[in-house]
PDB file of N, CA and C in Angstrom:
ATOM      1  N   UNK A   1     113.019 135.710  76.215  1.00  0.00           N
ATOM      2  CA  UNK A   1     113.321 136.272  77.518  1.00  0.00           C
ATOM      3  C   UNK A   1     112.106 136.963  78.120  1.00  0.00           C
ATOM      4  N   UNK A   2     111.291 137.562  77.328  1.00  0.00           N
ATOM      5  CA  UNK A   2     110.163 138.345  77.815  1.00  0.00           C
ATOM      6  C   UNK A   2     109.203 137.544  78.709  1.00  0.00           C
ATOM      7  N   UNK A   3     108.822 136.319  78.345  1.00  0.00           N
ATOM      8  CA  UNK A   3     107.902 135.580  79.232  1.00  0.00           C
ATOM      9  C   UNK A   3     108.508 135.294  80.608  1.00  0.00           C
ATOM     10  N   UNK A   4     109.807 135.003  80.658  1.00  0.00           N
ATOM     11  CA  UNK A   4     110.448 134.735  81.945  1.00  0.00           C
ATOM     12  C   UNK A   4     110.496 136.001  82.795  1.00  0.00           C
ATOM     13  N   UNK A   5     110.851 137.105  82.164  1.00  0.00           N
ATOM     14  CA  UNK A   5     110.931 138.371  82.898  1.00  0.00           C
ATOM     15  C   UNK A   5     109.540 138.810  83.349  1.00  0.00           C
ATOM     16  N   UNK A   6     108.543 138.573  82.524  1.00  0.00           N
ATOM     17  CA  UNK A   6     107.169 138.914  82.870  1.00  0.00           C
ATOM     18  C   UNK A   6     106.753 138.168  84.136  1.00  0.00           C
ATOM     19  N   UNK A   7     107.045 136.896  84.183  1.00  0.00           N
ATOM     20  CA  UNK A   7     106.731 136.090  85.359  1.00  0.00           C
ATOM     21  C   UNK A   7     107.507 136.574  86.587  1.00  0.00           C
ATOM     22  N   UNK A   8     108.768 136.897  86.381  1.00  0.00           N
ATOM     23  CA  UNK A   8     109.610 137.369  87.478  1.00  0.00           C
ATOM     24  C   UNK A   8     109.094 138.695  88.036  1.00  0.00           C
ATOM     25  N   UNK A   9     108.710 139.611  87.161  1.00  0.00           N
ATOM     26  CA  UNK A   9     108.204 140.914  87.599  1.00  0.00           C
ATOM     27  C   UNK A   9     106.894 140.748  88.358  1.00  0.00           C
ATOM     28  N   UNK A  10     106.022 139.881  87.889  1.00  0.00           N
ATOM     29  CA  UNK A  10     104.758 139.632  88.596  1.00  0.00           C
ATOM     30  C   UNK A  10     105.019 139.077  89.991  1.00  0.00           C
ATOM     31  N   UNK A  11     105.982 138.166  90.102  1.00  0.00           N
ATOM     32  CA  UNK A  11     106.334 137.590  91.399  1.00  0.00           C
ATOM     33  C   UNK A  11     106.892 138.665  92.329  1.00  0.00           C
ATOM     34  N   UNK A  12     107.792 139.503  91.822  1.00  0.00           N
ATOM     35  CA  UNK A  12     108.360 140.581  92.630  1.00  0.00           C
ATOM     36  C   UNK A  12     107.277 141.570  93.061  1.00  0.00           C
ATOM     37  N   UNK A  13     106.362 141.863  92.168  1.00  0.00           N
ATOM     38  CA  UNK A  13     105.265 142.774  92.470  1.00  0.00           C
ATOM     39  C   UNK A  13     104.403 142.214  93.600  1.00  0.00           C
ATOM     40  N   UNK A  14     104.115 140.934  93.541  1.00  0.00           N
ATOM     41  CA  UNK A  14     103.330 140.282  94.592  1.00  0.00           C
ATOM     42  C   UNK A  14     104.040 140.393  95.941  1.00  0.00           C
ATOM     43  N   UNK A  15     105.350 140.140  95.955  1.00  0.00           N
ATOM     44  CA  UNK A  15     106.117 140.197  97.202  1.00  0.00           C
ATOM     45  C   UNK A  15     106.161 141.612  97.767  1.00  0.00           C
ATOM     46  N   UNK A  16     106.332 142.596  96.900  1.00  0.00           N
ATOM     47  CA  UNK A  16     106.363 143.988  97.356  1.00  0.00           C
ATOM     48  C   UNK A  16     105.003 144.379  97.934  1.00  0.00           C
ATOM     49  N   UNK A  17     103.928 143.984  97.269  1.00  0.00           N
ATOM     50  CA  UNK A  17     102.588 144.317  97.756  1.00  0.00           C
ATOM     51  C   UNK A  17     102.316 143.685  99.112  1.00  0.00           C
ATOM     52  N   UNK A  18     102.800 142.473  99.321  1.00  0.00           N
ATOM     53  CA  UNK A  18     102.607 141.802 100.619  1.00  0.00           C
ATOM     54  C   UNK A  18     103.311 142.540 101.739  1.00  0.00           C
ATOM     55  N   UNK A  19     104.452 143.160 101.443  1.00  0.00           N
ATOM     56  CA  UNK A  19     105.174 143.924 102.462  1.00  0.00           C
ATOM     57  C   UNK A  19     104.609 145.331 102.621  1.00  0.00           C
ATOM     58  N   UNK A  20     104.045 145.870 101.560  1.00  0.00           N
ATOM     59  CA  UNK A  20     103.582 147.248 101.540  1.00  0.00           C
ATOM     60  C   UNK A  20     102.232 147.429 102.238  1.00  0.00           C
ATOM     61  N   UNK A  21     101.314 146.522 102.045  1.00  0.00           N
ATOM     62  CA  UNK A  21      99.953 146.683 102.569  1.00  0.00           C
ATOM     63  C   UNK A  21      99.908 146.892 104.088  1.00  0.00           C
ATOM     64  N   UNK A  22     100.615 146.102 104.897  1.00  0.00           N
ATOM     65  CA  UNK A  22     100.564 146.342 106.346  1.00  0.00           C
ATOM     66  C   UNK A  22     101.131 147.716 106.735  1.00  0.00           C
ATOM     67  N   UNK A  23     102.150 148.162 106.021  1.00  0.00           N
ATOM     68  CA  UNK A  23     102.726 149.475 106.317  1.00  0.00           C
ATOM     69  C   UNK A  23     101.735 150.584 105.974  1.00  0.00           C
ATOM     70  N   UNK A  24     101.039 150.442 104.856  1.00  0.00           N
ATOM     71  CA  UNK A  24     100.026 151.435 104.482  1.00  0.00           C
ATOM     72  C   UNK A  24      98.876 151.438 105.485  1.00  0.00           C
ATOM     73  N   UNK A  25      98.521 150.275 105.970  1.00  0.00           N
ATOM     74  CA  UNK A  25      97.449 150.178 106.971  1.00  0.00           C
ATOM     75  C   UNK A  25      97.862 150.904 108.234  1.00  0.00           C
ATOM     76  N   UNK A  26      99.090 150.664 108.702  1.00  0.00           N
ATOM     77  CA  UNK A  26      99.597 151.348 109.897  1.00  0.00           C
ATOM     78  C   UNK A  26      99.637 152.861 109.686  1.00  0.00           C
ATOM     79  N   UNK A  27     100.091 153.290 108.528  1.00  0.00           N
ATOM     80  CA  UNK A  27     100.204 154.719 108.227  1.00  0.00           C
ATOM     81  C   UNK A  27      98.823 155.373 108.206  1.00  0.00           C
ATOM     82  N   UNK A  28      97.830 154.675 107.705  1.00  0.00           N
ATOM     83  CA  UNK A  28      96.486 155.258 107.628  1.00  0.00           C
ATOM     84  C   UNK A  28      95.891 155.468 109.016  1.00  0.00           C
ATOM     85  N   UNK A  29      96.418 154.783 110.011  1.00  0.00           N
ATOM     86  CA  UNK A  29      95.944 154.902 111.383  1.00  0.00           C
ATOM     87  C   UNK A  29      96.951 155.620 112.283  1.00  0.00           C
ATOM     88  N   UNK A  30      97.919 156.270 111.670  1.00  0.00           N
ATOM     89  CA  UNK A  30      98.972 157.001 112.393  1.00  0.00           C
ATOM     90  C   UNK A  30      99.678 156.124 113.427  1.00  0.00           C
ATOM     91  N   UNK A  31      99.923 154.878 113.075  1.00  0.00           N
ATOM     92  CA  UNK A  31     100.596 153.935 113.967  1.00  0.00           C
ATOM     93  C   UNK A  31     101.896 153.456 113.333  1.00  0.00           C
ATOM     94  N   UNK A  32     102.628 154.362 112.714  1.00  0.00           N
ATOM     95  CA  UNK A  32     103.827 153.972 111.991  1.00  0.00           C
ATOM     96  C   UNK A  32     104.993 154.832 112.467  1.00  0.00           C
ATOM     97  N   UNK A  33     106.134 154.202 112.669  1.00  0.00           N
ATOM     98  CA  UNK A  33     107.302 154.973 113.084  1.00  0.00           C
ATOM     99  C   UNK A  33     108.074 155.453 111.858  1.00  0.00           C
ATOM    100  N   UNK A  34     109.076 156.290 112.084  1.00  0.00           N
ATOM    101  CA  UNK A  34     109.811 156.909 110.974  1.00  0.00           C
ATOM    102  C   UNK A  34     110.525 155.875 110.096  1.00  0.00           C
ATOM    103  N   UNK A  35     111.120 154.850 110.711  1.00  0.00           N
ATOM    104  CA  UNK A  35     111.812 153.828 109.934  1.00  0.00           C
ATOM    105  C   UNK A  35     110.839 153.109 108.998  1.00  0.00           C
ATOM    106  N   UNK A  36     109.703 152.720 109.542  1.00  0.00           N
ATOM    107  CA  UNK A  36     108.709 152.020 108.724  1.00  0.00           C
ATOM    108  C   UNK A  36     108.130 152.940 107.650  1.00  0.00           C
ATOM    109  N   UNK A  37     108.019 154.228 107.959  1.00  0.00           N
ATOM    110  CA  UNK A  37     107.519 155.186 106.971  1.00  0.00           C
ATOM    111  C   UNK A  37     108.487 155.283 105.794  1.00  0.00           C
ATOM    112  N   UNK A  38     109.794 155.313 106.086  1.00  0.00           N
ATOM    113  CA  UNK A  38     110.795 155.341 105.024  1.00  0.00           C
ATOM    114  C   UNK A  38     110.762 154.051 104.205  1.00  0.00           C
ATOM    115  N   UNK A  39     110.600 152.930 104.878  1.00  0.00           N
ATOM    116  CA  UNK A  39     110.499 151.638 104.191  1.00  0.00           C
ATOM    117  C   UNK A  39     109.261 151.611 103.293  1.00  0.00           C
ATOM    118  N   UNK A  40     108.155 152.164 103.783  1.00  0.00           N
ATOM    119  CA  UNK A  40     106.937 152.210 102.988  1.00  0.00           C
ATOM    120  C   UNK A  40     107.147 153.061 101.733  1.00  0.00           C
ATOM    121  N   UNK A  41     107.815 154.183 101.864  1.00  0.00           N
ATOM    122  CA  UNK A  41     108.074 155.045 100.708  1.00  0.00           C
ATOM    123  C   UNK A  41     108.990 154.360  99.700  1.00  0.00           C
ATOM    124  N   UNK A  42     109.992 153.640 100.197  1.00  0.00           N
ATOM    125  CA  UNK A  42     110.894 152.906  99.310  1.00  0.00           C
ATOM    126  C   UNK A  42     110.125 151.822  98.555  1.00  0.00           C
ATOM    127  N   UNK A  43     109.267 151.092  99.276  1.00  0.00           N
ATOM    128  CA  UNK A  43     108.476 150.031  98.654  1.00  0.00           C
ATOM    129  C   UNK A  43     107.469 150.603  97.649  1.00  0.00           C
ATOM    130  N   UNK A  44     106.909 151.773  97.946  1.00  0.00           N
ATOM    131  CA  UNK A  44     105.978 152.393  97.004  1.00  0.00           C
ATOM    132  C   UNK A  44     106.703 152.758  95.705  1.00  0.00           C
ATOM    133  N   UNK A  45     107.930 153.260  95.823  1.00  0.00           N
ATOM    134  CA  UNK A  45     108.714 153.566  94.633  1.00  0.00           C
ATOM    135  C   UNK A  45     109.029 152.313  93.833  1.00  0.00           C
ATOM    136  N   UNK A  46     109.427 151.259  94.535  1.00  0.00           N
ATOM    137  CA  UNK A  46     109.721 149.983  93.881  1.00  0.00           C
ATOM    138  C   UNK A  46     108.461 149.431  93.208  1.00  0.00           C
ATOM    139  N   UNK A  47     107.315 149.578  93.865  1.00  0.00           N
ATOM    140  CA  UNK A  47     106.038 149.112  93.328  1.00  0.00           C
ATOM    141  C   UNK A  47     105.715 149.844  92.027  1.00  0.00           C
ATOM    142  N   UNK A  48     105.875 151.163  92.021  1.00  0.00           N
ATOM    143  CA  UNK A  48     105.623 151.947  90.799  1.00  0.00           C
ATOM    144  C   UNK A  48     106.550 151.511  89.669  1.00  0.00           C
ATOM    145  N   UNK A  49     107.825 151.303  89.990  1.00  0.00           N
ATOM    146  CA  UNK A  49     108.802 150.879  88.986  1.00  0.00           C
ATOM    147  C   UNK A  49     108.420 149.527  88.394  1.00  0.00           C
ATOM    148  N   UNK A  50     108.049 148.587  89.254  1.00  0.00           N
ATOM    149  CA  UNK A  50     107.669 147.255  88.786  1.00  0.00           C
ATOM    150  C   UNK A  50     106.389 147.296  87.960  1.00  0.00           C
ATOM    151  N   UNK A  51     105.428 148.128  88.367  1.00  0.00           N
ATOM    152  CA  UNK A  51     104.192 148.247  87.584  1.00  0.00           C
ATOM    153  C   UNK A  51     104.491 148.793  86.192  1.00  0.00           C
ATOM    154  N   UNK A  52     105.389 149.778  86.111  1.00  0.00           N
ATOM    155  CA  UNK A  52     105.741 150.344  84.820  1.00  0.00           C
ATOM    156  C   UNK A  52     106.443 149.306  83.950  1.00  0.00           C
ATOM    157  N   UNK A  53     107.364 148.550  84.555  1.00  0.00           N
ATOM    158  CA  UNK A  53     108.067 147.510  83.805  1.00  0.00           C
ATOM    159  C   UNK A  53     107.096 146.440  83.326  1.00  0.00           C
ATOM    160  N   UNK A  54     106.155 146.055  84.182  1.00  0.00           N
ATOM    161  CA  UNK A  54     105.152 145.060  83.802  1.00  0.00           C
ATOM    162  C   UNK A  54     104.316 145.573  82.634  1.00  0.00           C
ATOM    163  N   UNK A  55     103.909 146.818  82.708  1.00  0.00           N
ATOM    164  CA  UNK A  55     103.122 147.420  81.621  1.00  0.00           C
ATOM    165  C   UNK A  55     103.922 147.412  80.319  1.00  0.00           C
ATOM    166  N   UNK A  56     105.201 147.786  80.404  1.00  0.00           N
ATOM    167  CA  UNK A  56     106.057 147.798  79.217  1.00  0.00           C
ATOM    168  C   UNK A  56     106.221 146.392  78.632  1.00  0.00           C
ATOM    169  N   UNK A  57     106.451 145.411  79.503  1.00  0.00           N
ATOM    170  CA  UNK A  57     106.623 144.037  79.046  1.00  0.00           C
ATOM    171  C   UNK A  57     105.355 143.490  78.397  1.00  0.00           C
ATOM    172  N   UNK A  58     104.207 143.808  78.993  1.00  0.00           N
ATOM    173  CA  UNK A  58     102.945 143.339  78.432  1.00  0.00           C
ATOM    174  C   UNK A  58     102.680 143.993  77.092  1.00  0.00           C
ATOM    175  N   UNK A  59     103.065 145.252  76.933  1.00  0.00           N
ATOM    176  CA  UNK A  59     102.901 145.947  75.660  1.00  0.00           C
ATOM    177  C   UNK A  59     103.766 145.296  74.590  1.00  0.00           C
ATOM    178  N   UNK A  60     104.999 144.959  74.936  1.00  0.00           N
ATOM    179  CA  UNK A  60     105.900 144.304  73.992  1.00  0.00           C
ATOM    180  C   UNK A  60     105.389 142.913  73.651  1.00  0.00           C
ATOM    181  N   UNK A  61     104.852 142.204  74.632  1.00  0.00           N
ATOM    182  CA  UNK A  61     104.368 140.837  74.396  1.00  0.00           C
ATOM    183  C   UNK A  61     103.157 140.822  73.468  1.00  0.00           C
ATOM    184  N   UNK A  62     102.341 141.860  73.517  1.00  0.00           N
ATOM    185  CA  UNK A  62     101.161 141.929  72.668  1.00  0.00           C
ATOM    186  C   UNK A  62     101.552 142.215  71.225  1.00  0.00           C
ATOM    187  N   UNK A  63     102.550 143.047  71.033  1.00  0.00           N
ATOM    188  CA  UNK A  63     102.947 143.445  69.669  1.00  0.00           C
ATOM    189  C   UNK A  63     103.930 142.507  69.104  1.00  0.00           C
TER     190      UNK A  63
END
């Protein structure tokens, strides 16, 4: 199961990053509305969660 989940997490991480980068760019230039700011914060949380899961999966795969 680990290799499939590893691939799935990497794919989800890629998709989240594609949605997150434009929002971060807008925020850095103060061109972001409140709704998009909340979406950016939600995506940042999801990104952190996925990175942690990926790290955990890679650690298990190595051992």
